[in-house]
Protein backbone atom coordinates (compact mmCIF):
# COMPACT_ATOMS: atom_id res chain seq x y z
CA MET A 1 0.00 0.00 0.00
CA LYS A 2 1.25 3.48 -0.76
CA PRO A 3 1.99 5.36 2.47
CA SER A 4 -0.11 8.34 1.39
CA HIS A 5 -3.28 6.25 1.29
CA SER A 6 -5.21 5.51 4.46
CA LEU A 7 -7.71 2.65 4.29
CA ASP A 8 -10.61 5.11 4.55
CA THR A 9 -9.24 7.03 1.55
CA LEU A 10 -8.38 3.89 -0.37
CA PHE A 11 -11.90 2.48 -0.04
CA ALA A 12 -13.78 5.82 0.07
CA ASP A 13 -16.24 4.72 -2.62
CA LEU A 14 -17.31 1.62 -0.65
CA LEU A 15 -17.61 3.60 2.58
CA ALA A 16 -19.71 6.23 0.76
CA LEU A 17 -22.19 3.50 -0.31
CA GLN A 18 -22.40 2.36 3.31
CA SER A 19 -22.91 5.94 4.49
CA ASP A 20 -25.66 6.53 1.92
CA SER A 21 -27.51 3.49 3.31
CA SER A 22 -27.40 4.76 6.89
CA MET A 23 -27.96 8.49 6.29
CA LYS A 24 -31.56 7.92 5.22
CA LEU A 25 -32.53 6.22 8.48
CA PRO A 26 -34.75 7.84 11.10
CA PRO A 27 -33.25 8.48 14.56
CA VAL A 28 -34.85 5.46 16.28
CA ASP A 29 -32.20 5.54 19.02
CA LEU A 30 -33.71 8.86 20.17
CA TRP A 31 -37.28 7.52 20.29
CA ASP A 32 -38.41 5.89 23.54
CA PRO A 33 -42.21 5.66 23.67
CA GLU A 34 -44.11 3.36 26.01
CA GLU A 35 -44.63 -0.20 24.72
CA SER A 36 -47.78 -0.49 22.62
CA GLY A 37 -47.90 -4.30 22.68
CA ASP A 38 -47.13 -7.15 20.30
CA ILE A 39 -47.76 -7.19 16.57
CA ASP A 40 -47.90 -10.41 14.53
CA ILE A 41 -44.73 -9.77 12.53
CA ARG A 42 -41.81 -12.15 12.40
CA VAL A 43 -38.49 -11.99 10.57
CA ASP A 44 -37.55 -15.55 9.64
CA ARG A 45 -34.07 -17.05 9.29
CA GLU A 46 -33.79 -15.96 5.62
CA GLY A 47 -34.69 -12.35 6.42
CA ARG A 48 -38.27 -12.59 5.15
CA TRP A 49 -40.81 -10.45 6.97
CA ILE A 50 -43.96 -12.47 7.79
CA HIS A 51 -47.23 -10.79 8.83
CA GLU A 52 -50.09 -12.97 10.08
CA GLY A 53 -48.56 -16.02 8.39
CA GLY A 54 -47.97 -14.45 4.96
CA GLU A 55 -44.76 -12.96 3.59
CA ILE A 56 -44.70 -9.20 3.11
CA LYS A 57 -43.79 -9.00 -0.58
CA ARG A 58 -43.56 -5.22 -1.01
CA PRO A 59 -39.84 -4.30 -0.78
CA ALA A 60 -40.66 -0.67 0.12
CA LEU A 61 -42.69 -1.80 3.14
CA VAL A 62 -39.95 -4.18 4.32
CA LYS A 63 -37.40 -1.39 3.91
CA LEU A 64 -39.60 0.97 5.93
CA PHE A 65 -40.06 -1.56 8.74
CA SER A 66 -36.34 -2.37 8.86
CA SER A 67 -35.56 1.35 9.12
CA ILE A 68 -37.65 1.76 12.29
CA LEU A 69 -36.36 -1.38 13.98
CA LYS A 70 -34.81 -1.30 17.43
CA VAL A 71 -33.58 -3.96 19.86
CA GLU A 72 -33.82 -3.64 23.64
CA ASN A 73 -32.84 -6.40 26.08
CA GLY A 74 -32.89 -8.99 23.30
CA GLN A 75 -36.38 -8.01 22.13
CA TYR A 76 -37.11 -6.37 18.79
CA PHE A 77 -39.47 -3.44 18.30
CA LEU A 78 -40.84 -1.33 15.49
CA VAL A 79 -40.78 2.21 16.87
CA THR A 80 -42.05 5.65 15.98
CA PRO A 81 -41.90 8.71 18.20
CA VAL A 82 -45.22 7.66 19.77
CA GLU A 83 -45.52 3.85 19.33
CA LYS A 84 -43.41 0.79 20.11
CA TRP A 85 -44.57 -2.64 18.85
CA ARG A 86 -42.75 -5.89 19.70
CA ILE A 87 -42.02 -8.29 16.82
CA LYS A 88 -40.29 -11.68 16.66
CA VAL A 89 -36.95 -12.30 14.98
CA ASP A 90 -35.77 -15.89 14.42
CA VAL A 91 -32.02 -15.25 14.13
CA ALA A 92 -31.25 -11.70 12.99
CA PRO A 93 -33.41 -8.92 11.53
CA PHE A 94 -31.24 -8.54 8.42
CA PHE A 95 -29.97 -11.09 5.88
CA ILE A 96 -26.82 -10.74 3.79
CA THR A 97 -27.31 -12.13 0.32
CA GLU A 98 -24.22 -10.83 -1.49
CA VAL A 99 -20.57 -10.25 -0.66
CA SER A 100 -17.83 -8.75 -2.78
CA ARG A 101 -14.10 -8.26 -2.37
CA ASP A 102 -12.05 -5.24 -3.43
CA LEU A 103 -8.25 -5.45 -3.48
CA ARG A 104 -6.27 -2.21 -3.64
CA TYR A 105 -2.53 -1.82 -2.95
CA ASP A 106 -2.41 -5.20 -1.15
CA GLN A 107 -5.32 -4.18 1.11
CA GLN A 108 -8.73 -5.81 1.10
CA ALA A 109 -12.26 -4.60 1.81
CA ILE A 110 -15.23 -6.96 2.01
CA SER A 111 -18.62 -5.44 1.20
CA CYS A 112 -21.90 -7.06 2.15
CA VAL A 113 -25.37 -6.29 0.79
CA THR A 114 -28.51 -7.11 2.77
CA LEU A 115 -31.76 -8.40 1.34
CA ASN A 116 -33.20 -4.89 1.58
CA GLY A 117 -30.24 -3.26 -0.19
CA GLU A 118 -28.16 -1.90 2.68
CA SER A 119 -24.40 -1.88 2.06
CA ILE A 120 -21.97 -2.76 4.86
CA VAL A 121 -18.17 -2.89 4.75
CA LEU A 122 -16.61 -5.31 7.25
CA SER A 123 -14.53 -3.25 9.69
CA ASP A 124 -14.11 -2.44 13.38
CA ASP A 125 -17.50 -0.67 13.25
CA HIS A 126 -19.16 -3.55 11.37
CA PRO A 127 -17.47 -6.74 12.60
CA LEU A 128 -18.18 -10.27 11.49
CA THR A 129 -18.66 -12.72 14.36
CA ILE A 130 -19.42 -16.42 14.40
CA GLU A 131 -21.82 -17.79 17.00
CA TYR A 132 -22.71 -21.38 17.78
CA LYS A 133 -25.96 -22.55 19.38
CA PRO A 134 -25.54 -25.22 22.09
CA GLU A 135 -27.79 -27.67 20.22
CA SER A 136 -25.89 -27.36 16.92
CA ASP A 137 -22.32 -27.25 15.72
CA GLN A 138 -23.33 -25.17 12.70
CA PRO A 139 -21.79 -21.68 12.55
CA ILE A 140 -24.07 -18.66 12.68
CA PRO A 141 -22.16 -15.85 10.92
CA LEU A 142 -23.42 -12.40 11.89
CA VAL A 143 -22.40 -8.91 10.80
CA LYS A 144 -23.19 -5.84 12.89
CA VAL A 145 -25.36 -3.53 10.78
CA ARG A 146 -26.12 -0.68 13.19
CA GLY A 147 -26.55 -0.32 16.93
CA ASP A 148 -27.25 -3.79 18.28
CA LEU A 149 -28.84 -4.97 15.02
CA SER A 150 -27.11 -7.74 13.07
CA ALA A 151 -27.44 -9.50 9.75
CA LEU A 152 -27.20 -13.24 9.24
CA VAL A 153 -24.84 -14.10 6.39
CA SER A 154 -26.50 -16.44 3.87
CA ARG A 155 -24.91 -19.85 3.40
CA SER A 156 -23.64 -19.10 -0.12
CA ALA A 157 -22.21 -15.73 0.96
CA PHE A 158 -20.50 -17.38 3.95
CA TYR A 159 -18.91 -20.01 1.69
CA GLN A 160 -17.56 -17.17 -0.45
CA LEU A 161 -16.09 -15.48 2.64
CA VAL A 162 -14.42 -18.75 3.64
CA ALA A 163 -12.96 -19.07 0.13
CA TRP A 164 -11.41 -15.61 0.58
CA GLY A 165 -10.12 -16.47 4.05
CA GLU A 166 -6.52 -17.22 4.91
CA SER A 167 -5.26 -20.12 7.00
CA SER A 168 -3.18 -19.60 10.09
CA ALA A 169 -1.74 -22.79 11.53
CA THR A 170 0.07 -23.24 14.82
CA ASP A 171 1.23 -26.47 16.45
CA GLU A 172 -2.14 -27.01 18.12
CA ASN A 173 -4.74 -25.09 16.11
CA HIS A 174 -5.69 -24.38 12.55
CA ALA A 175 -7.73 -21.20 12.02
CA VAL A 176 -9.21 -19.39 9.03
CA TYR A 177 -9.34 -15.59 9.11
CA LEU A 178 -10.86 -13.02 6.78
CA SER A 179 -9.26 -9.59 6.45
CA SER A 180 -11.16 -6.40 5.68
CA MET A 181 -10.26 -2.75 6.26
CA GLY A 182 -7.17 -3.75 8.24
CA CYS A 183 -9.14 -6.02 10.62
CA GLN A 184 -9.05 -9.81 10.91
CA PHE A 185 -12.20 -11.81 11.56
CA LEU A 186 -12.09 -15.42 12.71
CA LEU A 187 -14.20 -17.64 10.45
CA GLY A 188 -13.45 -20.91 12.22
CA LYS A 189 -10.83 -23.15 13.72
CA SER A 190 -10.18 -26.78 14.42
CA VAL A 191 -7.98 -28.47 16.98
């Protein structure tokens, strides 16, 4: 990498796309109305929004709902300045369907796109973490979108991330890491 280029400058175009996604969002973190109750909306594992058993098919409506989403104490709410409705989320409220890799001056940035079109660049502010449920040994790859809201990485996108990963072997462990914006994210390891 040329010394005159910082990572933020080098990948300014990708960070601008991410910023454009978040600038249009309402200030839900400033809204704290009393709870209004529960509403029959659920976000399933694949990021589909289900209302009263049927999928909400209008992308504009899903985008609106996802923009007014908030999580408090592990519970998800749709909020406005005067209402706060609890919804159910199976794994994560967002779903990453696409990933891409940009290489510039030996540096790498990984961009992710959610089902509703939000762009996220893996970094310190938007880390990738892998969780495991006690009842399963299957990885649950999550990317922080904003606040405490995360996106589940689709299986095909996760396989692509693993393909871009780099192995790091020691005497006892073998690990695979993914680099983006100068950060390393652990994808998995075996003993």
